[in-house]
């Protein structure tokens, strides 16, 4: 594993997080609130999780796909 892969993984994870926040958290927030149904006691309490490892692993998936396809 070389340093380009690690840098691309971290950058891909950060980009994935920021784009998800921008699209779903800001741009589509009103649409999601208007078109989702609310039922009493439907949602449980969310677990206390750290989400950044999932973003980094998705960045690793993106960078590995591009490295193996030869688009570096």
C-alpha atoms as a PDB file:
ATOM      1  CA  UNK A   1       0.000   0.000   0.000  1.00  0.00           C
ATOM      2  CA  UNK A   2       1.548   3.277  -1.019  1.00  0.00           C
ATOM      3  CA  UNK A   3       1.061   6.794   0.264  1.00  0.00           C
ATOM      4  CA  UNK A   4      -1.056   7.825  -2.746  1.00  0.00           C
ATOM      5  CA  UNK A   5      -3.648   5.225  -1.755  1.00  0.00           C
ATOM      6  CA  UNK A   6      -3.770   6.402   1.858  1.00  0.00           C
ATOM      7  CA  UNK A   7      -4.055  10.063   0.879  1.00  0.00           C
ATOM      8  CA  UNK A   8      -6.751   9.260  -1.678  1.00  0.00           C
ATOM      9  CA  UNK A   9      -8.651   7.190   0.906  1.00  0.00           C
ATOM     10  CA  UNK A  10      -8.698   9.983   3.456  1.00  0.00           C
ATOM     11  CA  UNK A  11      -9.551  12.603   0.825  1.00  0.00           C
ATOM     12  CA  UNK A  12     -12.342  10.395  -0.567  1.00  0.00           C
ATOM     13  CA  UNK A  13     -13.786   9.843   2.905  1.00  0.00           C
ATOM     14  CA  UNK A  14     -13.756  13.566   3.647  1.00  0.00           C
ATOM     15  CA  UNK A  15     -15.309  14.368   0.263  1.00  0.00           C
ATOM     16  CA  UNK A  16     -17.992  11.710   0.781  1.00  0.00           C
ATOM     17  CA  UNK A  17     -18.862  13.126   4.203  1.00  0.00           C
ATOM     18  CA  UNK A  18     -18.982  16.733   3.015  1.00  0.00           C
ATOM     19  CA  UNK A  19     -21.020  15.965  -0.112  1.00  0.00           C
ATOM     20  CA  UNK A  20     -23.485  13.876   1.901  1.00  0.00           C
ATOM     21  CA  UNK A  21     -23.855  16.682   4.420  1.00  0.00           C
ATOM     22  CA  UNK A  22     -24.322  19.251   1.661  1.00  0.00           C
ATOM     23  CA  UNK A  23     -26.837  17.239  -0.378  1.00  0.00           C
ATOM     24  CA  UNK A  24     -28.910  15.540   2.325  1.00  0.00           C
ATOM     25  CA  UNK A  25     -28.318  17.864   5.260  1.00  0.00           C
ATOM     26  CA  UNK A  26     -28.681  21.217   3.552  1.00  0.00           C
ATOM     27  CA  UNK A  27     -30.165  21.043   0.042  1.00  0.00           C
ATOM     28  CA  UNK A  28     -32.769  18.294   0.536  1.00  0.00           C
ATOM     29  CA  UNK A  29     -33.562  18.913   4.217  1.00  0.00           C
ATOM     30  CA  UNK A  30     -36.966  20.518   3.609  1.00  0.00           C
ATOM     31  CA  UNK A  31     -37.899  17.915   0.995  1.00  0.00           C
ATOM     32  CA  UNK A  32     -37.001  15.063   3.345  1.00  0.00           C
ATOM     33  CA  UNK A  33     -38.990  16.584   6.222  1.00  0.00           C
ATOM     34  CA  UNK A  34     -42.031  17.206   4.023  1.00  0.00           C
ATOM     35  CA  UNK A  35     -42.062  13.726   2.469  1.00  0.00           C
ATOM     36  CA  UNK A  36     -41.318  11.504   5.416  1.00  0.00           C
ATOM     37  CA  UNK A  37     -44.007  10.047   7.643  1.00  0.00           C
ATOM     38  CA  UNK A  38     -43.810  10.445  11.375  1.00  0.00           C
ATOM     39  CA  UNK A  39     -45.191   7.741  13.634  1.00  0.00           C
ATOM     40  CA  UNK A  40     -45.070   7.694  17.401  1.00  0.00           C
ATOM     41  CA  UNK A  41     -42.360   5.408  18.813  1.00  0.00           C
ATOM     42  CA  UNK A  42     -41.093   4.458  15.364  1.00  0.00           C
ATOM     43  CA  UNK A  43     -37.454   5.385  15.915  1.00  0.00           C
ATOM     44  CA  UNK A  44     -35.319   3.987  18.692  1.00  0.00           C
ATOM     45  CA  UNK A  45     -32.631   6.022  20.378  1.00  0.00           C
ATOM     46  CA  UNK A  46     -29.641   6.181  18.027  1.00  0.00           C
ATOM     47  CA  UNK A  47     -26.555   4.388  19.313  1.00  0.00           C
ATOM     48  CA  UNK A  48     -23.546   6.403  20.359  1.00  0.00           C
ATOM     49  CA  UNK A  49     -21.399   5.632  17.309  1.00  0.00           C
ATOM     50  CA  UNK A  50     -18.410   7.240  15.690  1.00  0.00           C
ATOM     51  CA  UNK A  51     -19.199   7.640  11.986  1.00  0.00           C
ATOM     52  CA  UNK A  52     -15.866   8.780  10.571  1.00  0.00           C
ATOM     53  CA  UNK A  53     -14.390   5.228  10.176  1.00  0.00           C
ATOM     54  CA  UNK A  54     -17.264   4.402   7.827  1.00  0.00           C
ATOM     55  CA  UNK A  55     -16.515   7.489   5.742  1.00  0.00           C
ATOM     56  CA  UNK A  56     -12.820   6.607   5.545  1.00  0.00           C
ATOM     57  CA  UNK A  57     -13.647   3.046   4.475  1.00  0.00           C
ATOM     58  CA  UNK A  58     -15.912   4.372   1.727  1.00  0.00           C
ATOM     59  CA  UNK A  59     -13.023   6.604   0.664  1.00  0.00           C
ATOM     60  CA  UNK A  60     -10.802   3.516   0.543  1.00  0.00           C
ATOM     61  CA  UNK A  61     -13.344   1.794  -1.663  1.00  0.00           C
ATOM     62  CA  UNK A  62     -13.429   4.744  -4.084  1.00  0.00           C
ATOM     63  CA  UNK A  63      -9.661   5.082  -4.241  1.00  0.00           C
ATOM     64  CA  UNK A  64      -9.082   1.329  -4.641  1.00  0.00           C
ATOM     65  CA  UNK A  65     -11.589   1.245  -7.501  1.00  0.00           C
ATOM     66  CA  UNK A  66      -9.852   4.102  -9.314  1.00  0.00           C
ATOM     67  CA  UNK A  67      -6.349   2.747  -8.659  1.00  0.00           C
ATOM     68  CA  UNK A  68      -7.247  -0.670 -10.039  1.00  0.00           C
ATOM     69  CA  UNK A  69      -8.953   0.793 -13.101  1.00  0.00           C
ATOM     70  CA  UNK A  70      -5.817   2.776 -13.944  1.00  0.00           C
ATOM     71  CA  UNK A  71      -7.291   6.263 -13.649  1.00  0.00           C
ATOM     72  CA  UNK A  72      -4.589   7.667 -11.371  1.00  0.00           C
END
